[in-house]
Protein backbone atom coordinates (compact mmCIF):
# COMPACT_ATOMS: atom_id res chain seq x y z
CA MET A 1 28.30 14.87 -27.20
CA GLN A 2 26.93 16.29 -30.59
CA GLN A 3 23.19 14.45 -29.96
CA ARG A 4 23.34 16.45 -26.53
CA MET A 5 24.24 19.72 -27.78
CA LEU A 6 21.29 19.56 -30.06
CA ASN A 7 18.51 18.38 -27.31
CA VAL A 8 20.04 21.41 -25.53
CA LEU A 9 20.03 23.66 -28.58
CA MET A 10 16.58 22.46 -29.75
CA GLU A 11 14.70 22.75 -25.86
CA GLU A 12 16.30 26.51 -26.12
CA TRP A 13 15.19 27.16 -29.92
CA ARG A 14 11.51 27.40 -29.32
CA GLY A 15 11.76 30.13 -26.86
CA TRP A 16 14.51 32.57 -28.71
CA LEU A 17 12.08 31.95 -31.72
CA ASP A 18 9.18 33.10 -29.62
CA ASP A 19 11.06 36.06 -28.63
CA LEU A 20 12.43 36.94 -32.07
CA MET A 21 8.90 37.06 -33.42
CA LYS A 22 8.17 39.51 -30.65
CA GLY A 23 11.32 41.57 -31.58
CA THR A 24 12.76 41.15 -28.05
CA PHE A 25 15.77 38.44 -28.59
CA ASP A 26 18.90 40.43 -28.86
CA LEU A 27 20.87 38.50 -31.66
CA SER A 28 24.02 39.92 -31.33
CA LYS A 29 24.43 38.32 -27.93
CA LEU A 30 23.63 35.09 -29.47
CA ALA A 31 26.71 35.57 -31.72
CA GLU A 32 28.91 36.72 -29.02
CA LEU A 33 27.64 33.83 -26.79
CA ALA A 34 28.75 31.33 -29.69
CA LYS A 35 32.16 33.14 -30.66
CA ALA A 36 32.95 32.80 -26.90
CA MET A 37 32.44 29.11 -26.89
CA GLY A 38 34.33 28.67 -29.85
CA ILE A 39 31.49 27.72 -32.12
CA ASP A 40 31.55 28.16 -35.68
CA MET A 41 28.22 29.06 -36.27
CA SER A 42 28.35 28.77 -40.07
CA GLN A 43 29.02 24.85 -39.45
CA LEU A 44 26.11 24.32 -36.69
CA PRO A 45 22.84 24.36 -38.83
CA GLY A 46 23.97 21.82 -41.47
CA MET A 47 25.33 19.65 -38.57
CA MET A 48 21.99 19.78 -36.47
CA ALA A 49 19.80 19.15 -39.15
CA GLN A 50 21.59 15.80 -39.83
CA GLN A 51 20.97 14.76 -36.26
CA PRO A 52 18.60 12.43 -35.50
CA GLY A 53 16.50 14.57 -32.94
CA PHE A 54 16.42 17.27 -35.45
CA ASP A 55 12.64 18.86 -35.39
CA PRO A 56 12.23 21.20 -38.50
CA TYR A 57 8.73 22.10 -36.90
CA GLN A 58 10.33 22.81 -33.80
CA VAL A 59 12.64 25.07 -35.55
CA LEU A 60 10.08 27.18 -37.17
CA GLY A 61 8.08 27.16 -34.00
CA LEU A 62 5.18 25.22 -34.97
CA ASP A 63 3.20 21.86 -34.40
CA LYS A 64 3.32 19.14 -37.04
CA SER A 65 -0.05 19.29 -37.30
CA ALA A 66 0.15 22.85 -39.00
CA SER A 67 -1.18 23.26 -41.90
CA ASP A 68 0.74 24.31 -45.26
CA GLU A 69 -0.38 27.78 -45.31
CA GLU A 70 0.89 28.21 -41.67
CA VAL A 71 4.12 26.63 -42.26
CA LYS A 72 4.54 28.88 -45.60
CA LYS A 73 3.74 31.86 -43.80
CA ARG A 74 6.14 31.34 -40.79
CA TYR A 75 8.65 30.58 -42.96
CA HIS A 76 8.60 33.83 -45.04
CA ASP A 77 8.01 35.61 -41.58
CA LEU A 78 11.11 34.48 -40.43
CA LEU A 79 12.92 34.58 -43.54
CA HIS A 80 11.99 38.75 -43.42
CA LYS A 81 13.37 38.60 -39.82
CA LEU A 82 16.69 36.80 -40.25
CA HIS A 83 17.81 37.75 -43.93
CA PRO A 84 20.97 40.23 -43.78
CA ASP A 85 19.14 42.59 -46.25
CA THR A 86 16.21 42.93 -43.69
CA ALA A 87 17.20 42.10 -40.11
CA GLY A 88 19.26 45.30 -39.56
CA ILE A 89 20.92 43.31 -37.16
CA GLU A 90 24.48 41.24 -36.97
CA GLY A 91 24.62 37.47 -36.22
CA THR A 92 21.07 36.65 -38.04
CA SER A 93 23.10 34.40 -40.50
CA PHE A 94 23.14 30.87 -38.21
CA LEU A 95 19.49 31.73 -37.47
CA LEU A 96 18.66 31.95 -41.10
CA GLN A 97 20.45 28.85 -41.97
CA MET A 98 18.67 26.88 -39.18
CA VAL A 99 15.24 28.12 -41.02
CA LEU A 100 15.98 27.46 -44.21
CA ALA A 101 17.11 23.78 -43.40
CA ALA A 102 14.15 23.17 -41.46
CA TYR A 103 11.84 24.49 -44.16
CA GLU A 104 13.66 22.17 -46.72
CA MET A 105 13.25 19.18 -45.01
CA ILE A 106 9.48 19.93 -44.54
CA LYS A 107 9.23 20.78 -48.50
CA LYS A 108 10.39 17.08 -48.76
CA MET A 109 8.43 15.90 -46.22
CA ARG A 110 5.41 16.95 -47.54
CA GLY A 111 6.22 16.56 -51.23
CA TRP A 112 6.40 20.25 -52.49
CA GLN A 113 8.54 20.92 -55.11
């Protein structure tokens, strides 16, 4: 069940991320949907990051071949868009936690300090 849920979420993630970066994604709708489904959004990023199919590059909307500079730029752009102090929208904490988890994994994979 968890693996199937992860696969569905990861497939949808890239589209959400593209829409978010274009400014057309309604984060409040995602928060409402999760709440209606009884999903505790605060637990989901950690759970997903530990699953074998979790792709941190897909979370950031990048290919694995992205340069270090591209990864860092995308991370900082997403941080700015999703951080509660700058987002201006409720419901960004889940997405922010996903980005943070993905970036930490990439840092470990690439040997960054």
